[in-house]
Amino acid sequence: MTGDYRNAPRLPLLTAEEARQAVRHPFLLEQLDLSPRGAAAGQLASELARRLPAD
């Protein structure tokens, strides 16, 4: 079996602070969008926040 690997450089992993900032955006969307989409964004943000390390 053979495979091709991209030669493009890999992006660095997010830092914990960058991940926390990224999770804040869906929380904000939940507050601004009262539709089911906003509720889903809040649920996703909650699930992601639980996976972040607590500093």
C-alpha atoms as a PDB file:
ATOM      1  CA  MET A   1       0.000   0.000   0.000  1.00  0.00           C
ATOM      2  CA  THR A   2       1.308   3.430  -0.837  1.00  0.00           C
ATOM      3  CA  GLY A   3       0.163   6.841   0.233  1.00  0.00           C
ATOM      4  CA  ASP A   4       0.834  10.420  -0.589  1.00  0.00           C
ATOM      5  CA  TYR A   5       1.720  12.944   2.058  1.00  0.00           C
ATOM      6  CA  ARG A   6       1.357  16.628   1.515  1.00  0.00           C
ATOM      7  CA  ASN A   7       4.518  18.638   1.655  1.00  0.00           C
ATOM      8  CA  ALA A   8       2.700  21.648   3.058  1.00  0.00           C
ATOM      9  CA  PRO A   9       3.973  22.776   6.455  1.00  0.00           C
ATOM     10  CA  ARG A  10       1.869  21.718   9.398  1.00  0.00           C
ATOM     11  CA  LEU A  11       0.238  24.378  11.509  1.00  0.00           C
ATOM     12  CA  PRO A  12       1.179  24.502  15.189  1.00  0.00           C
ATOM     13  CA  LEU A  13      -1.287  23.324  17.802  1.00  0.00           C
ATOM     14  CA  LEU A  14      -3.362  25.913  19.620  1.00  0.00           C
ATOM     15  CA  THR A  15      -2.171  27.118  22.977  1.00  0.00           C
ATOM     16  CA  ALA A  16      -4.580  26.731  25.882  1.00  0.00           C
ATOM     17  CA  GLU A  17      -5.286  30.481  25.835  1.00  0.00           C
ATOM     18  CA  GLU A  18      -5.982  30.455  22.098  1.00  0.00           C
ATOM     19  CA  ALA A  19      -8.374  27.542  22.573  1.00  0.00           C
ATOM     20  CA  ARG A  20     -10.205  29.379  25.368  1.00  0.00           C
ATOM     21  CA  GLN A  21     -10.566  32.438  23.142  1.00  0.00           C
ATOM     22  CA  ALA A  22     -11.920  30.278  20.316  1.00  0.00           C
ATOM     23  CA  VAL A  23     -14.514  28.744  22.651  1.00  0.00           C
ATOM     24  CA  ARG A  24     -15.704  32.206  23.749  1.00  0.00           C
ATOM     25  CA  HIS A  25     -17.006  32.966  20.255  1.00  0.00           C
ATOM     26  CA  PRO A  26     -19.729  30.270  20.208  1.00  0.00           C
ATOM     27  CA  PHE A  27     -20.740  31.363  23.730  1.00  0.00           C
ATOM     28  CA  LEU A  28     -21.172  34.887  22.392  1.00  0.00           C
ATOM     29  CA  LEU A  29     -23.143  33.580  19.413  1.00  0.00           C
ATOM     30  CA  GLU A  30     -25.464  31.759  21.823  1.00  0.00           C
ATOM     31  CA  GLN A  31     -26.223  35.046  23.589  1.00  0.00           C
ATOM     32  CA  LEU A  32     -26.801  36.966  20.366  1.00  0.00           C
ATOM     33  CA  ASP A  33     -28.716  34.321  18.396  1.00  0.00           C
ATOM     34  CA  LEU A  34     -31.858  33.128  20.174  1.00  0.00           C
ATOM     35  CA  SER A  35     -32.632  30.557  17.477  1.00  0.00           C
ATOM     36  CA  PRO A  36     -31.830  26.842  17.748  1.00  0.00           C
ATOM     37  CA  ARG A  37     -28.552  27.614  15.956  1.00  0.00           C
ATOM     38  CA  GLY A  38     -27.468  29.829  18.854  1.00  0.00           C
ATOM     39  CA  ALA A  39     -28.433  27.149  21.358  1.00  0.00           C
ATOM     40  CA  ALA A  40     -26.409  24.580  19.401  1.00  0.00           C
ATOM     41  CA  ALA A  41     -23.411  26.933  19.392  1.00  0.00           C
ATOM     42  CA  GLY A  42     -23.674  27.262  23.166  1.00  0.00           C
ATOM     43  CA  GLN A  43     -23.878  23.505  23.598  1.00  0.00           C
ATOM     44  CA  LEU A  44     -20.818  22.999  21.405  1.00  0.00           C
ATOM     45  CA  ALA A  45     -18.931  25.676  23.338  1.00  0.00           C
ATOM     46  CA  SER A  46     -19.820  23.972  26.628  1.00  0.00           C
ATOM     47  CA  GLU A  47     -18.587  20.615  25.376  1.00  0.00           C
ATOM     48  CA  LEU A  48     -15.346  22.131  24.099  1.00  0.00           C
ATOM     49  CA  ALA A  49     -14.806  24.118  27.308  1.00  0.00           C
ATOM     50  CA  ARG A  50     -15.007  20.898  29.358  1.00  0.00           C
ATOM     51  CA  ARG A  51     -12.161  19.463  27.284  1.00  0.00           C
ATOM     52  CA  LEU A  52      -9.819  22.387  27.925  1.00  0.00           C
ATOM     53  CA  PRO A  53      -7.309  22.178  30.750  1.00  0.00           C
ATOM     54  CA  ALA A  54      -8.231  24.217  33.807  1.00  0.00           C
ATOM     55  CA  ASP A  55      -5.300  26.475  34.659  1.00  0.00           C
END
